[in-house]
Amino acid sequence: MLRKGDTIGLVACSNGRKPEQESEIANIEKLLFTHFGIKTERAAMIFRTENGLASGIAEERAGALMGMYRNPEIKAIFDISGGDVANEILPYLDFEQIGVAQKPFIGYSDLTVIQNAIYAKTGVRGYNYQLLNLGGEASAVQLELFRSIFIEAKERAISHEVLRDKADIRGEIIGGNIRCWLKLAGTEYMPNPSGKVVLLEALSGDVGKMRTYLAQLDQIGIFQAANGVILGQFTEMQENGLAPTIEELTRPYMEKYDKFLLKTSIVGHQPDAEPFPIGFPIQDYLT
């Protein structure tokens, strides 16, 4: 995917980064160049300015992202933000241009909305991943993951547990952060779930919130149409030992429609979370 000397774009389409994180971002840029020879180009808007939340109004952030797609020197786009306001930019994106550019969009959490909108509108695939993890507490692991997936383009097997089996576990992966993905419900940006595998993960949210989100996914027909679900990390629920667990909450829906249910620990908000494919066939990543 990437080669020595390539340039990647850094954007912040959701909540902007705090100005005091400049050194953290600079460290990531240094790591990328030192280890892989990868150069970076930052969007004009990375840090919070607008009401202390976003790095600009929706049209400006969309324009910054489209600038990365129009620049032939940019080979992949990494969004280093997260939060709440990524869906504001969707009406201002040129999906025809995005489809022509065929550049992967990589981000996590609230960037779920952009990844899934791009996949729904263009079929272009991406990854659920936070690039800032390269400089975190699991830096050595993350650097090796970056090399394997983004430099060597290896299809890394998804370690998983089968919670409810079906003979035919297949389908392209959609979804991501459960709260953020539901922002697309009822919009033209929600991918068609028919025959797909739905990834669900979360940072925050107790049992009540997860019950609400799962019920909404059922009521809009996601579980009935999809082939199955793969659960990632549900940080607040797991760290606090909340019960029923997310597995116990999701299983009845899979039983209702006779679908498969998988569990993985490699995708989510933890520092050791791995780049997770969005839009790719899950069967290519299972062993």
Protein backbone atom coordinates (compact mmCIF):
# COMPACT_ATOMS: atom_id res chain seq x y z
CA MET A 1 0.00 0.00 0.00
CA LEU A 2 2.72 2.48 1.05
CA ARG A 3 6.36 2.72 0.03
CA LYS A 4 9.41 4.56 1.29
CA GLY A 5 9.14 8.16 0.16
CA ASP A 6 5.33 8.16 0.02
CA THR A 7 3.29 10.88 1.70
CA ILE A 8 0.20 10.34 3.82
CA GLY A 9 -2.34 12.99 4.78
CA LEU A 10 -3.27 13.81 8.37
CA VAL A 11 -6.75 15.25 8.93
CA ALA A 12 -9.13 15.92 11.81
CA CYS A 13 -12.71 15.64 10.56
CA SER A 14 -14.28 15.14 14.00
CA ASN A 15 -13.34 17.01 17.18
CA GLY A 16 -10.05 18.85 16.71
CA ARG A 17 -6.95 17.93 18.64
CA LYS A 18 -5.87 20.08 21.58
CA PRO A 19 -3.01 22.49 20.78
CA GLU A 20 -0.91 20.89 23.53
CA GLN A 21 -0.92 17.66 21.49
CA GLU A 22 1.36 19.22 18.89
CA SER A 23 4.39 17.36 20.27
CA GLU A 24 2.47 14.06 20.22
CA ILE A 25 1.61 14.51 16.56
CA ALA A 26 5.14 15.62 15.72
CA ASN A 27 6.46 12.46 17.37
CA ILE A 28 4.20 10.32 15.16
CA GLU A 29 5.51 12.11 12.09
CA LYS A 30 9.08 11.46 13.24
CA LEU A 31 8.37 7.77 13.88
CA LEU A 32 6.82 7.34 10.43
CA PHE A 33 9.78 8.90 8.68
CA THR A 34 12.45 7.23 10.82
CA HIS A 35 11.03 3.70 10.61
CA PHE A 36 9.38 3.67 7.18
CA GLY A 37 10.53 6.72 5.22
CA ILE A 38 6.90 7.88 5.14
CA LYS A 39 6.33 11.62 4.92
CA THR A 40 3.25 13.40 6.24
CA GLU A 41 1.20 16.37 5.15
CA ARG A 42 -1.11 17.91 7.70
CA ALA A 43 -4.43 19.43 6.80
CA ALA A 44 -4.66 23.14 7.53
CA MET A 45 -7.13 22.34 10.30
CA ILE A 46 -5.99 19.84 12.92
CA PHE A 47 -6.33 21.70 16.20
CA ARG A 48 -9.44 22.97 17.96
CA THR A 49 -10.46 26.50 17.08
CA GLU A 50 -14.21 26.63 16.52
CA ASN A 51 -15.85 26.97 19.95
CA GLY A 52 -13.05 24.88 21.40
CA LEU A 53 -14.41 21.76 19.72
CA ALA A 54 -13.71 21.32 16.01
CA SER A 55 -10.82 22.58 13.89
CA GLY A 56 -13.20 24.53 11.66
CA ILE A 57 -16.78 24.60 10.44
CA ALA A 58 -18.12 21.58 8.56
CA GLU A 59 -17.46 22.98 5.09
CA GLU A 60 -13.87 23.80 6.01
CA ARG A 61 -13.15 20.36 7.42
CA ALA A 62 -14.74 18.72 4.39
CA GLY A 63 -12.65 20.94 2.13
CA ALA A 64 -9.48 19.94 3.98
CA LEU A 65 -10.31 16.26 3.50
CA MET A 66 -11.15 16.72 -0.18
CA GLY A 67 -7.83 18.50 -0.64
CA MET A 68 -6.12 15.28 0.41
CA TYR A 69 -8.11 13.28 -2.13
CA ARG A 70 -7.29 15.73 -4.92
CA ASN A 71 -3.57 15.79 -4.15
CA PRO A 72 -1.90 13.02 -6.19
CA GLU A 73 1.06 12.98 -3.78
CA ILE A 74 -1.13 11.74 -0.91
CA LYS A 75 -1.34 7.95 -0.96
CA ALA A 76 -3.53 7.35 2.12
CA ILE A 77 -5.47 9.52 4.56
CA PHE A 78 -5.26 9.08 8.32
CA ASP A 79 -7.76 10.92 10.50
CA ILE A 80 -6.22 11.48 13.94
CA SER A 81 -9.35 12.92 15.56
CA GLY A 82 -12.40 11.42 17.21
CA GLY A 83 -15.37 12.58 19.24
CA ASP A 84 -18.78 13.67 17.99
CA VAL A 85 -18.99 15.93 14.95
CA ALA A 86 -17.64 13.96 11.98
CA ASN A 87 -21.09 13.50 10.43
CA GLU A 88 -21.40 17.28 9.94
CA ILE A 89 -19.08 17.11 6.93
CA LEU A 90 -20.87 14.37 4.97
CA PRO A 91 -23.07 16.66 2.81
CA TYR A 92 -19.99 18.57 1.68
CA LEU A 93 -17.93 15.61 0.43
CA ASP A 94 -17.43 14.91 -3.28
CA PHE A 95 -17.93 11.16 -3.34
CA GLU A 96 -17.35 10.99 -7.08
CA GLN A 97 -13.85 12.40 -6.56
CA ILE A 98 -13.27 10.07 -3.61
CA GLY A 99 -14.22 7.13 -5.80
CA VAL A 100 -11.80 8.24 -8.51
CA ALA A 101 -8.95 8.75 -6.04
CA GLN A 102 -9.30 5.27 -4.49
CA LYS A 103 -7.34 6.25 -1.38
CA PRO A 104 -7.95 4.41 1.89
CA PHE A 105 -9.40 6.47 4.74
CA ILE A 106 -8.15 5.33 8.15
CA GLY A 107 -9.62 6.45 11.46
CA TYR A 108 -11.56 5.16 14.44
CA SER A 109 -14.40 5.97 16.83
CA ASP A 110 -16.44 8.89 15.38
CA LEU A 111 -14.69 8.46 12.03
CA THR A 112 -16.87 5.36 11.64
CA VAL A 113 -19.42 7.65 9.99
CA ILE A 114 -17.00 8.80 7.28
CA GLN A 115 -15.58 5.33 6.63
CA ASN A 116 -19.02 3.82 6.19
CA ALA A 117 -20.31 6.73 4.11
CA ILE A 118 -17.32 6.37 1.77
CA TYR A 119 -17.88 2.62 1.49
CA ALA A 120 -21.63 3.08 0.90
CA LYS A 121 -21.13 5.72 -1.79
CA THR A 122 -17.98 4.48 -3.53
CA GLY A 123 -17.05 0.98 -2.36
CA VAL A 124 -13.61 2.28 -1.34
CA ARG A 125 -12.26 0.32 1.63
CA GLY A 126 -10.51 1.60 4.74
CA TYR A 127 -9.36 0.66 8.23
CA ASN A 128 -10.62 1.26 11.75
CA TYR A 129 -7.43 2.53 13.40
CA GLN A 130 -5.98 5.46 15.37
CA LEU A 131 -2.56 6.46 14.02
CA LEU A 132 -1.64 8.20 17.28
CA ASN A 133 -1.30 4.73 18.84
CA LEU A 134 2.10 4.56 17.12
CA GLY A 135 3.50 6.76 19.87
CA GLY A 136 1.56 5.26 22.77
CA GLU A 137 2.40 2.70 25.41
CA ALA A 138 2.28 -0.12 22.85
CA SER A 139 4.49 1.73 20.36
CA ALA A 140 6.72 -1.22 19.44
CA VAL A 141 3.71 -3.42 18.67
CA GLN A 142 1.99 -0.64 16.75
CA LEU A 143 5.04 0.06 14.60
CA GLU A 144 5.20 -3.59 13.61
CA LEU A 145 1.47 -3.61 12.85
CA PHE A 146 1.87 -0.51 10.68
CA ARG A 147 4.71 -2.16 8.77
CA SER A 148 2.81 -5.39 8.27
CA ILE A 149 -0.51 -3.90 7.15
CA PHE A 150 0.28 -0.56 5.53
CA ILE A 151 3.78 -1.18 4.14
CA GLU A 152 3.87 -4.90 3.39
CA ALA A 153 0.09 -5.06 2.74
CA LYS A 154 -0.28 -8.35 4.57
CA GLU A 155 -3.75 -9.67 5.38
CA ARG A 156 -3.31 -10.19 9.09
CA ALA A 157 -5.61 -12.87 10.51
CA ILE A 158 -8.29 -11.62 12.91
CA SER A 159 -7.93 -13.50 16.17
CA HIS A 160 -11.47 -14.30 17.25
CA GLU A 161 -13.80 -16.50 19.23
CA VAL A 162 -16.92 -18.01 17.68
CA LEU A 163 -19.84 -17.36 20.03
CA ARG A 164 -22.54 -18.56 17.67
CA ASP A 165 -21.55 -20.64 14.69
CA LYS A 166 -22.86 -20.82 11.15
CA ALA A 167 -21.36 -22.84 8.35
CA ASP A 168 -20.88 -19.84 6.08
CA ILE A 169 -19.13 -17.01 7.90
CA ARG A 170 -18.57 -14.50 5.12
CA GLY A 171 -19.40 -11.00 3.96
CA GLU A 172 -17.77 -7.59 3.65
CA ILE A 173 -17.26 -5.79 6.96
CA ILE A 174 -19.22 -2.63 7.76
CA GLY A 175 -19.85 -0.74 11.00
CA GLY A 176 -17.48 0.25 13.77
CA ASN A 177 -18.28 2.31 16.84
CA ILE A 178 -21.87 1.43 17.67
CA ARG A 179 -22.94 4.88 18.89
CA CYS A 180 -21.38 6.72 16.00
CA TRP A 181 -22.50 4.28 13.31
CA LEU A 182 -26.11 4.78 14.35
CA LYS A 183 -25.82 8.44 13.31
CA LEU A 184 -26.11 7.14 9.74
CA ALA A 185 -29.49 5.45 10.37
CA GLY A 186 -32.07 6.69 7.90
CA THR A 187 -29.49 8.53 5.78
CA GLU A 188 -28.11 7.88 2.33
CA TYR A 189 -24.72 7.25 3.94
CA MET A 190 -25.63 3.99 5.71
CA PRO A 191 -24.22 0.97 3.86
CA ASN A 192 -26.64 -1.68 2.66
CA PRO A 193 -26.32 -4.38 5.35
CA SER A 194 -27.53 -7.26 3.17
CA GLY A 195 -24.99 -10.05 3.23
CA LYS A 196 -22.53 -7.99 5.25
CA VAL A 197 -20.72 -8.57 8.55
CA VAL A 198 -21.45 -5.89 11.15
CA LEU A 199 -18.54 -4.80 13.35
CA LEU A 200 -19.60 -3.28 16.68
CA GLU A 201 -17.31 -1.74 19.33
CA ALA A 202 -17.55 1.04 21.90
CA LEU A 203 -15.49 3.15 24.27
CA SER A 204 -18.21 4.43 26.58
CA GLY A 205 -21.66 3.12 27.35
CA ASP A 206 -23.25 1.06 30.10
CA VAL A 207 -25.74 -1.79 29.78
CA GLY A 208 -28.69 0.53 29.27
CA LYS A 209 -27.05 2.36 26.39
CA MET A 210 -25.99 -0.86 24.70
CA ARG A 211 -29.50 -2.28 24.99
CA THR A 212 -30.80 0.89 23.35
CA TYR A 213 -28.28 0.77 20.50
CA LEU A 214 -28.84 -2.92 19.81
CA ALA A 215 -32.61 -2.47 19.80
CA GLN A 216 -32.32 0.36 17.29
CA LEU A 217 -30.08 -1.71 15.02
CA ASP A 218 -32.68 -4.46 15.11
CA GLN A 219 -35.57 -2.09 14.46
CA ILE A 220 -33.94 -0.61 11.35
CA GLY A 221 -33.36 -4.10 9.95
CA ILE A 222 -29.58 -4.38 10.30
CA PHE A 223 -29.45 -7.71 12.12
CA GLN A 224 -32.03 -9.36 9.90
CA ALA A 225 -30.25 -8.33 6.70
CA ALA A 226 -26.63 -8.94 7.73
CA ASN A 227 -24.92 -12.32 7.70
CA GLY A 228 -23.66 -11.88 11.25
CA VAL A 229 -21.94 -9.69 13.82
CA ILE A 230 -18.38 -9.42 15.12
CA LEU A 231 -17.98 -7.73 18.50
CA GLY A 232 -14.84 -5.78 19.32
CA GLN A 233 -13.82 -4.13 22.58
CA PHE A 234 -16.53 -2.51 24.70
CA THR A 235 -14.21 -0.63 27.01
CA GLU A 236 -16.48 0.77 29.71
CA MET A 237 -18.52 -2.41 30.02
CA GLN A 238 -15.45 -4.64 30.17
CA GLU A 239 -13.37 -2.49 32.52
CA ASN A 240 -16.26 -2.18 34.98
CA GLY A 241 -17.35 -5.81 34.69
CA LEU A 242 -20.90 -4.79 33.78
CA ALA A 243 -23.55 -7.46 33.31
CA PRO A 244 -25.21 -8.64 31.22
CA THR A 245 -22.13 -8.55 28.99
CA ILE A 246 -22.25 -7.24 25.45
CA GLU A 247 -22.05 -10.84 24.24
CA GLU A 248 -25.10 -11.77 26.30
CA LEU A 249 -26.98 -8.70 25.06
CA THR A 250 -26.22 -9.40 21.39
CA ARG A 251 -26.76 -13.17 21.32
CA PRO A 252 -30.60 -13.07 21.43
CA TYR A 253 -30.70 -11.01 18.24
CA MET A 254 -28.43 -13.48 16.46
CA GLU A 255 -30.58 -16.36 17.66
CA LYS A 256 -33.71 -14.54 16.51
CA TYR A 257 -32.44 -14.40 12.92
CA ASP A 258 -30.13 -17.45 13.01
CA LYS A 259 -26.94 -15.45 12.37
CA PHE A 260 -23.33 -15.97 13.43
CA LEU A 261 -21.71 -14.07 16.29
CA LEU A 262 -17.94 -13.59 16.66
CA LYS A 263 -15.84 -11.83 19.30
CA THR A 264 -12.41 -10.24 18.89
CA SER A 265 -10.19 -8.20 21.18
CA ILE A 266 -8.09 -6.58 18.46
CA VAL A 267 -10.38 -3.65 17.55
CA GLY A 268 -11.46 -0.79 19.75
CA HIS A 269 -10.00 2.08 21.78
CA GLN A 270 -7.19 0.30 23.60
CA PRO A 271 -3.55 1.30 22.91
CA ASP A 272 -2.83 -2.13 21.41
CA ALA A 273 -5.84 -2.15 19.05
CA GLU A 274 -4.94 -3.31 15.55
CA PRO A 275 -5.91 -1.81 12.19
CA PHE A 276 -9.23 -3.48 11.36
CA PRO A 277 -10.48 -3.82 7.76
CA ILE A 278 -13.66 -2.00 6.72
CA GLY A 279 -15.22 -3.01 3.40
CA PHE A 280 -13.03 -6.11 3.07
CA PRO A 281 -14.44 -9.69 3.05
CA ILE A 282 -14.13 -11.15 6.54
CA GLN A 283 -13.41 -14.62 5.17
CA ASP A 284 -10.05 -13.35 3.89
CA TYR A 285 -9.01 -12.62 7.51
CA LEU A 286 -10.20 -15.73 9.34
CA THR A 287 -8.09 -18.81 9.86
